[in-house]
């Protein structure tokens, strides 16, 4: 999407898809490289003291360091950056409204 719209994009995940990393420090802002095939593909970043880190990767038109800086600036007391956290909350609300007990379905029939 970032490439299509020509805007910078950042990847932020709660779990690691690929790569390996050393242990990350316990303090917010601690980070270690995420490595795959001997290349740095992202950063393991702790956004809150003693809380699981997130996995940051640069997307379209942004450096890894800038992606980390933007991510940290968007964390407002939570593990996830605010845009990702809000998207997560919205999806969870949608899922609850589509559950069998709500009577709503995802199908058109």
Protein backbone atom coordinates (compact mmCIF):
# COMPACT_ATOMS: atom_id res chain seq x y z
CA UNK A 1 0.00 0.00 0.00
CA UNK A 2 2.84 2.39 0.85
CA UNK A 3 4.46 1.78 -2.50
CA UNK A 4 1.17 2.33 -4.34
CA UNK A 5 0.42 5.56 -2.43
CA UNK A 6 4.08 6.62 -2.24
CA UNK A 7 3.99 7.06 1.53
CA UNK A 8 6.37 5.67 4.17
CA UNK A 9 5.24 2.47 5.87
CA UNK A 10 6.37 0.52 8.93
CA UNK A 11 5.82 -3.10 9.88
CA UNK A 12 4.97 -3.75 13.53
CA UNK A 13 4.15 -7.23 14.83
CA UNK A 14 3.56 -8.83 18.21
CA UNK A 15 5.23 -12.07 17.14
CA UNK A 16 8.25 -12.91 15.02
CA UNK A 17 7.57 -14.39 11.61
CA UNK A 18 11.17 -15.11 10.59
CA UNK A 19 14.67 -14.33 11.78
CA UNK A 20 16.57 -14.66 15.01
CA UNK A 21 17.71 -12.23 17.67
CA UNK A 22 19.55 -11.91 20.94
CA UNK A 23 17.75 -11.13 24.18
CA UNK A 24 16.50 -7.57 24.38
CA UNK A 25 16.95 -5.47 27.54
CA UNK A 26 14.12 -5.04 30.03
CA UNK A 27 13.80 -1.24 29.71
CA UNK A 28 11.57 0.58 27.23
CA UNK A 29 13.61 1.63 24.20
CA UNK A 30 15.91 -1.40 24.38
CA UNK A 31 16.42 -3.01 21.00
CA UNK A 32 18.40 -5.68 19.19
CA UNK A 33 18.66 -6.48 15.49
CA UNK A 34 16.36 -9.07 13.94
CA UNK A 35 18.52 -11.13 11.57
CA UNK A 36 17.65 -13.46 8.69
CA UNK A 37 20.13 -14.93 6.20
CA UNK A 38 22.92 -12.84 7.79
CA UNK A 39 21.02 -9.60 7.05
CA UNK A 40 19.35 -7.21 9.46
CA UNK A 41 15.68 -7.27 8.50
CA UNK A 42 14.25 -5.42 11.47
CA UNK A 43 14.50 -4.63 15.14
CA UNK A 44 13.18 -6.29 18.26
CA UNK A 45 12.01 -3.30 20.29
CA UNK A 46 10.83 -3.12 23.87
CA UNK A 47 8.24 -0.34 24.02
CA UNK A 48 7.38 -0.71 27.71
CA UNK A 49 9.49 -1.80 30.70
CA UNK A 50 9.41 -5.59 31.33
CA UNK A 51 6.67 -6.16 28.71
CA UNK A 52 7.14 -8.38 25.63
CA UNK A 53 8.89 -6.57 22.77
CA UNK A 54 7.44 -5.88 19.32
CA UNK A 55 9.06 -6.61 15.97
CA UNK A 56 9.67 -3.59 13.75
CA UNK A 57 10.57 -3.69 10.07
CA UNK A 58 11.05 -0.83 7.64
CA UNK A 59 8.58 -0.70 4.80
CA UNK A 60 8.37 1.72 1.91
CA UNK A 61 10.60 4.80 1.93
CA UNK A 62 11.75 4.68 5.58
CA UNK A 63 14.96 3.65 7.33
CA UNK A 64 14.99 1.12 10.13
CA UNK A 65 16.08 3.76 12.66
CA UNK A 66 13.30 6.14 11.58
CA UNK A 67 10.80 3.26 11.84
CA UNK A 68 11.97 2.64 15.42
CA UNK A 69 11.80 6.36 16.28
CA UNK A 70 8.27 6.69 14.88
CA UNK A 71 7.14 3.53 16.67
CA UNK A 72 8.45 4.76 20.02
CA UNK A 73 6.82 8.16 19.52
CA UNK A 74 3.46 6.45 18.89
CA UNK A 75 3.53 4.28 22.03
CA UNK A 76 1.41 6.00 24.65
CA UNK A 77 1.71 3.75 27.69
CA UNK A 78 0.87 0.59 25.78
CA UNK A 79 2.98 -2.13 24.18
CA UNK A 80 1.71 -1.41 20.67
CA UNK A 81 1.95 1.92 18.86
CA UNK A 82 -1.36 3.76 19.01
CA UNK A 83 -2.39 3.30 15.33
CA UNK A 84 -1.79 -0.46 15.54
CA UNK A 85 -3.47 -0.71 18.95
CA UNK A 86 -6.58 1.09 17.72
CA UNK A 87 -6.78 -1.09 14.61
CA UNK A 88 -6.48 -4.15 16.86
CA UNK A 89 -9.30 -2.92 19.09
CA UNK A 90 -11.54 -2.20 16.09
CA UNK A 91 -10.98 -5.67 14.63
CA UNK A 92 -11.71 -7.30 17.98
CA UNK A 93 -14.97 -5.33 18.29
CA UNK A 94 -15.92 -6.39 14.76
CA UNK A 95 -15.18 -10.03 15.58
CA UNK A 96 -17.33 -9.87 18.71
CA UNK A 97 -20.23 -8.46 16.69
CA UNK A 98 -19.86 -11.30 14.17
CA UNK A 99 -19.82 -14.09 16.74
CA UNK A 100 -22.56 -16.78 16.66
CA UNK A 101 -24.03 -15.53 19.95
CA UNK A 102 -24.54 -12.04 18.47
CA UNK A 103 -26.67 -13.50 15.68
CA UNK A 104 -24.59 -11.76 13.01
CA UNK A 105 -22.86 -13.68 10.24
CA UNK A 106 -20.02 -12.91 7.89
CA UNK A 107 -21.80 -14.55 4.93
CA UNK A 108 -24.25 -12.97 2.48
CA UNK A 109 -26.85 -15.77 2.59
